[in-house]
Each structure stands twice: as structure tokens, then as C-alpha cells.
Protein backbone atom coordinates (compact mmCIF):
# COMPACT_ATOMS: atom_id res chain seq x y z
CA MET A 1 -9.86 -133.79 -136.26
CA ASP A 2 -7.45 -135.05 -133.62
CA CYS A 3 -8.63 -136.03 -130.18
CA ALA A 4 -6.49 -135.95 -127.06
CA PRO A 5 -5.01 -139.36 -126.36
CA ASN A 6 -6.40 -141.33 -123.46
CA THR A 7 -3.02 -141.96 -121.89
CA PRO A 8 -3.10 -144.45 -119.00
CA LEU A 9 -1.94 -143.17 -115.62
CA THR A 10 1.38 -144.30 -114.27
CA LYS A 11 1.33 -145.92 -110.84
CA GLN A 12 2.85 -142.72 -109.37
CA GLN A 13 0.20 -140.53 -111.04
CA ALA A 14 -2.53 -142.84 -109.76
CA TRP A 15 -1.06 -142.76 -106.23
CA ASP A 16 -0.90 -138.95 -106.25
CA ARG A 17 -4.45 -138.72 -107.56
CA ALA A 18 -5.72 -141.16 -104.89
CA LEU A 19 -4.17 -139.04 -102.14
CA SER A 20 -5.75 -135.91 -103.62
CA TYR A 21 -9.15 -137.65 -103.34
CA ARG A 22 -8.46 -138.34 -99.63
CA PHE A 23 -7.90 -142.08 -99.81
CA ARG A 24 -4.68 -144.02 -99.26
CA PRO A 25 -4.41 -147.24 -101.27
CA HIS A 26 -3.19 -150.32 -99.40
CA ASP A 27 -0.89 -151.42 -102.21
CA PRO A 28 0.44 -148.86 -104.73
CA ASP A 29 1.32 -151.66 -107.14
CA ALA A 30 -2.26 -152.98 -107.17
CA PHE A 31 -3.41 -150.09 -109.42
CA GLU A 32 -4.59 -151.47 -112.78
CA ASN A 33 -6.57 -148.66 -114.41
CA THR A 34 -9.05 -145.90 -113.54
CA ASN A 35 -12.07 -148.23 -113.90
CA THR A 36 -10.84 -150.95 -111.53
CA PRO A 37 -11.57 -150.74 -107.77
CA TRP A 38 -8.48 -150.04 -105.67
CA ALA A 39 -8.65 -151.05 -102.00
CA GLY A 40 -7.50 -148.52 -99.46
CA THR A 41 -8.34 -146.45 -96.40
CA CYS A 42 -10.27 -143.18 -96.13
CA MET A 43 -7.87 -140.50 -94.92
CA ASP A 44 -10.66 -138.66 -93.08
CA CYS A 45 -12.42 -141.42 -91.09
CA SER A 46 -9.89 -144.29 -91.46
CA GLY A 47 -12.64 -146.53 -92.85
CA PRO A 48 -12.08 -149.10 -95.60
CA VAL A 49 -12.76 -147.92 -99.17
CA ASN A 50 -12.60 -149.56 -102.58
CA PRO A 51 -13.17 -146.79 -105.17
CA CYS A 52 -12.35 -146.55 -108.85
CA LEU A 53 -10.26 -143.47 -109.68
CA GLY A 54 -12.53 -142.78 -112.66
CA ASN A 55 -15.55 -142.51 -110.37
CA LEU A 56 -13.67 -140.13 -108.08
CA TYR A 57 -12.74 -137.99 -111.07
CA ARG A 58 -16.44 -137.79 -112.01
CA GLY A 59 -17.35 -136.56 -108.52
CA GLN A 60 -18.30 -139.68 -106.60
CA GLY A 61 -16.80 -139.70 -103.12
CA ALA A 62 -14.33 -142.37 -102.05
CA CYS A 63 -16.01 -143.04 -98.72
CA ASN A 64 -19.65 -143.78 -97.95
CA SER A 65 -19.41 -143.56 -94.17
CA ARG A 66 -21.91 -141.33 -92.37
CA SER A 67 -19.16 -138.91 -91.38
CA CYS A 68 -17.67 -138.56 -94.88
CA LYS A 69 -20.52 -138.89 -97.37
CA LEU A 70 -21.41 -135.49 -98.79
CA THR A 71 -24.37 -136.47 -100.98
CA GLY A 72 -27.38 -138.74 -100.79
CA PHE A 73 -30.10 -139.10 -98.20
CA ASN A 74 -29.39 -137.45 -94.85
CA ASP A 75 -31.38 -139.29 -92.16
CA THR A 76 -31.26 -136.28 -89.83
CA GLU A 77 -33.32 -134.14 -92.25
CA PRO A 78 -36.94 -134.47 -93.49
CA GLY A 79 -37.29 -137.22 -96.07
CA LEU A 80 -39.52 -138.42 -98.86
CA VAL A 81 -40.33 -142.05 -99.65
CA TYR A 82 -41.44 -142.54 -103.24
CA LEU A 83 -42.74 -145.21 -105.58
CA VAL A 84 -41.99 -144.79 -109.28
CA GLN A 85 -43.17 -147.01 -112.10
CA ARG A 86 -42.53 -147.54 -115.79
CA ALA A 87 -45.10 -148.92 -118.19
CA SER A 88 -42.59 -150.89 -120.22
CA ASP A 89 -42.45 -154.54 -121.17
CA PRO A 90 -42.01 -155.85 -118.58
CA ALA A 91 -43.56 -153.19 -116.34
CA MET A 92 -41.24 -152.05 -113.55
CA ALA A 93 -41.51 -150.23 -110.23
CA LYS A 94 -39.06 -149.16 -107.58
CA ILE A 95 -39.17 -147.57 -104.16
CA GLY A 96 -36.69 -144.91 -103.13
CA ILE A 97 -35.93 -142.43 -100.41
CA CYS A 98 -34.56 -138.92 -100.79
CA GLU A 99 -34.33 -135.55 -99.13
CA ASP A 100 -37.64 -133.69 -98.96
CA SER A 101 -36.62 -130.18 -100.01
CA THR A 102 -37.24 -127.74 -102.84
CA HIS A 103 -33.76 -128.21 -104.31
CA ASN A 104 -34.00 -132.02 -104.47
CA THR A 105 -34.04 -133.21 -108.10
CA ARG A 106 -34.27 -136.99 -107.58
CA LEU A 107 -37.84 -137.38 -108.90
CA LYS A 108 -37.18 -135.02 -111.83
CA VAL A 109 -34.22 -137.19 -112.86
CA HIS A 110 -36.41 -140.30 -112.66
CA MET A 111 -39.03 -138.59 -114.85
CA ARG A 112 -36.38 -137.66 -117.46
CA ASN A 113 -35.37 -141.33 -117.49
CA GLY A 114 -38.91 -142.50 -118.29
CA TRP A 115 -40.25 -143.19 -114.78
CA GLU A 116 -43.63 -141.94 -113.56
CA THR A 117 -44.12 -140.99 -109.91
CA ALA A 118 -46.94 -143.15 -108.55
CA TYR A 119 -46.90 -142.14 -104.85
CA THR A 120 -44.87 -140.08 -102.43
CA ARG A 121 -44.96 -139.77 -98.65
CA SER A 122 -43.05 -137.13 -96.68
CA PHE A 123 -41.78 -137.78 -93.19
CA THR A 124 -39.99 -135.79 -90.53
CA VAL A 125 -36.87 -136.75 -88.65
CA GLY A 126 -37.51 -139.55 -86.16
CA ASN A 127 -40.90 -140.46 -87.65
CA TRP A 128 -39.74 -142.76 -90.44
CA THR A 129 -40.61 -145.89 -88.44
CA GLN A 130 -44.31 -145.01 -88.40
CA TYR A 131 -44.34 -145.58 -92.17
CA GLY A 132 -43.18 -149.16 -91.92
CA LEU A 133 -39.58 -148.46 -92.88
CA THR A 134 -38.05 -150.98 -90.50
CA VAL A 135 -36.28 -154.22 -91.29
CA GLY A 136 -38.68 -157.18 -91.10
CA SER A 137 -41.84 -155.08 -90.85
CA PRO A 138 -44.85 -155.53 -93.16
CA PRO A 139 -44.83 -153.40 -96.33
CA MET A 140 -46.15 -149.87 -96.00
CA SER A 141 -49.59 -148.96 -97.28
CA TRP A 142 -49.57 -146.11 -99.80
CA THR A 143 -53.22 -145.21 -99.24
């Protein structure tokens, strides 16, 4: 069985691909490979970006600014704070925040990866501070 060769991109191919992903590299000659960050500017918001072309190819956006980011937690919509844990050696836990909607799959993905949901707390827009989610505040109580 023959597999397709993993041919490296030329600098021109990389440049063209970067532009198609809406980011303009600062230095076209700085491209090394698709797994190396390449500094540039977002063509939509003019913000600084440093993506890997491979990540862009797999669907990750080049820019994480509020105006450009298409995925992740939207702080203008209802949210869910969660605590997940894993009974491994050593035991682990992590806190996260995600969209509180029926189509959100964040906790299901954590479960498939061996995490157990310990607690969740929903909140509405503008009310997140009442749950202790401010910088420098005491930790929130889950009970």
C-alpha cells in the first residue's frame, strides 16, 4: 500500500495558505513548517497573531480576539462553570467554563476522556461575579 507523500509546503504555498486563513505573516521567509508558529497580523481585526498553519488547517482560528474568535466561551451568553475530577494516581481536578446550552458538548468530551463531572453551576449574563469569578476574590463555594 502506498501512502500520499507528506510534501513540505514551499514558502509561496505557505504564504498563499496563510492569506486564505485571513492572516498576513510579517516575514514570508520566516516560514519553517506547518507546525511552527508564524508571526503575523489578523487581516480582520489587525491584531497580532502567531498561529501554526497546521492548526489552521485543522480548524483552529488564527486570531483569538473577541471580534474574531468563532468558538469557545461567549461571555455575552449564559454560561456554566464546572468542576471535573479524575480518580487517577495522582488524582486530578480542573475547573472550566463553557456555554450553557443544549448543543454544548464540553462536559461530554471530558467524560469520554476519563473525567467525572463533580459540580456545575449555571449563570446568566452579567451575574458571573456573584459566583466569585473575579480576579483576586476568594474561591467560590460549590455548595
